[in-house]
Amino acid sequence: MVIDLSMSNDIDIQGLDKMTRLVEDLRDNGIELRLANIHAKVRDMLRRGGLADKIGEEHIYRTLDEAVQ
């Protein structure tokens, strides 16, 4: 699954918690999550909250096209 975050300029703790649960639910069903078009502020929050490690930095892409390929 690919999520385009180009319209998300910020993420709060609740959003981070929900995304963490989504990653876990998807993994339980054999689905990998990939993120694209992440703003620096959101990327920093994902890293601080440990979500970037759960997703894997290799699944975070600069563009939607890169994520889909």
Protein backbone atom coordinates (compact mmCIF):
# COMPACT_ATOMS: atom_id res chain seq x y z
CA MET A 1 0.00 0.00 0.00
CA VAL A 2 1.32 3.46 -0.88
CA ILE A 3 0.21 6.59 0.96
CA ASP A 4 0.92 9.96 -0.66
CA LEU A 5 1.55 12.48 2.14
CA SER A 6 2.05 15.51 -0.11
CA MET A 7 -0.96 17.27 1.42
CA SER A 8 0.16 16.60 5.02
CA ASN A 9 2.38 19.38 6.29
CA ASP A 10 2.35 18.14 9.88
CA ILE A 11 1.50 15.10 12.00
CA ASP A 12 0.59 15.02 15.66
CA ILE A 13 0.93 12.25 18.24
CA GLN A 14 -2.56 10.91 17.53
CA GLY A 15 -1.80 10.72 13.82
CA LEU A 16 1.49 9.00 14.55
CA ASP A 17 -0.28 6.47 16.79
CA LYS A 18 -2.90 5.75 14.12
CA MET A 19 -0.25 5.29 11.44
CA THR A 20 1.66 2.94 13.74
CA ARG A 21 -1.48 0.82 14.22
CA LEU A 22 -2.06 0.87 10.47
CA VAL A 23 1.47 -0.40 9.82
CA GLU A 24 0.99 -3.19 12.35
CA ASP A 25 -2.44 -4.17 10.96
CA LEU A 26 -1.12 -4.20 7.40
CA ARG A 27 1.90 -6.31 8.40
CA ASP A 28 -0.38 -8.79 10.15
CA ASN A 29 -2.08 -9.22 6.76
CA GLY A 30 1.17 -9.48 4.77
CA ILE A 31 0.98 -5.96 3.33
CA GLU A 32 3.89 -3.52 3.29
CA LEU A 33 3.29 0.21 3.67
CA ARG A 34 5.20 2.69 1.55
CA LEU A 35 5.10 6.45 2.02
CA ALA A 36 5.69 9.10 -0.64
CA ASN A 37 6.03 12.88 -0.85
CA ILE A 38 6.77 13.40 2.82
CA HIS A 39 7.48 16.93 4.03
CA ALA A 40 10.57 17.37 6.21
CA LYS A 41 8.53 18.16 9.32
CA VAL A 42 6.48 14.98 8.95
CA ARG A 43 9.59 12.89 8.22
CA ASP A 44 11.24 14.22 11.38
CA MET A 45 8.19 13.30 13.46
CA LEU A 46 8.08 9.81 11.94
CA ARG A 47 11.72 9.33 12.86
CA ARG A 48 11.35 10.70 16.40
CA GLY A 49 8.28 8.54 17.00
CA GLY A 50 10.03 5.40 15.73
CA LEU A 51 7.58 4.88 12.88
CA ALA A 52 10.24 5.38 10.19
CA ASP A 53 12.12 2.42 11.68
CA LYS A 54 8.96 0.29 11.74
CA ILE A 55 8.16 1.12 8.13
CA GLY A 56 11.80 0.99 7.08
CA GLU A 57 13.59 3.97 5.59
CA GLU A 58 13.79 1.99 2.33
CA HIS A 59 9.98 2.26 2.08
CA ILE A 60 9.92 6.05 2.29
CA TYR A 61 10.15 7.69 -1.13
CA ARG A 62 10.59 11.20 -2.45
CA THR A 63 7.90 10.82 -5.08
CA LEU A 64 4.79 8.75 -5.69
CA ASP A 65 6.27 7.37 -8.92
CA GLU A 66 9.33 6.06 -7.05
CA ALA A 67 7.10 4.38 -4.44
CA VAL A 68 4.95 2.68 -7.07
CA GLN A 69 7.93 1.36 -9.03
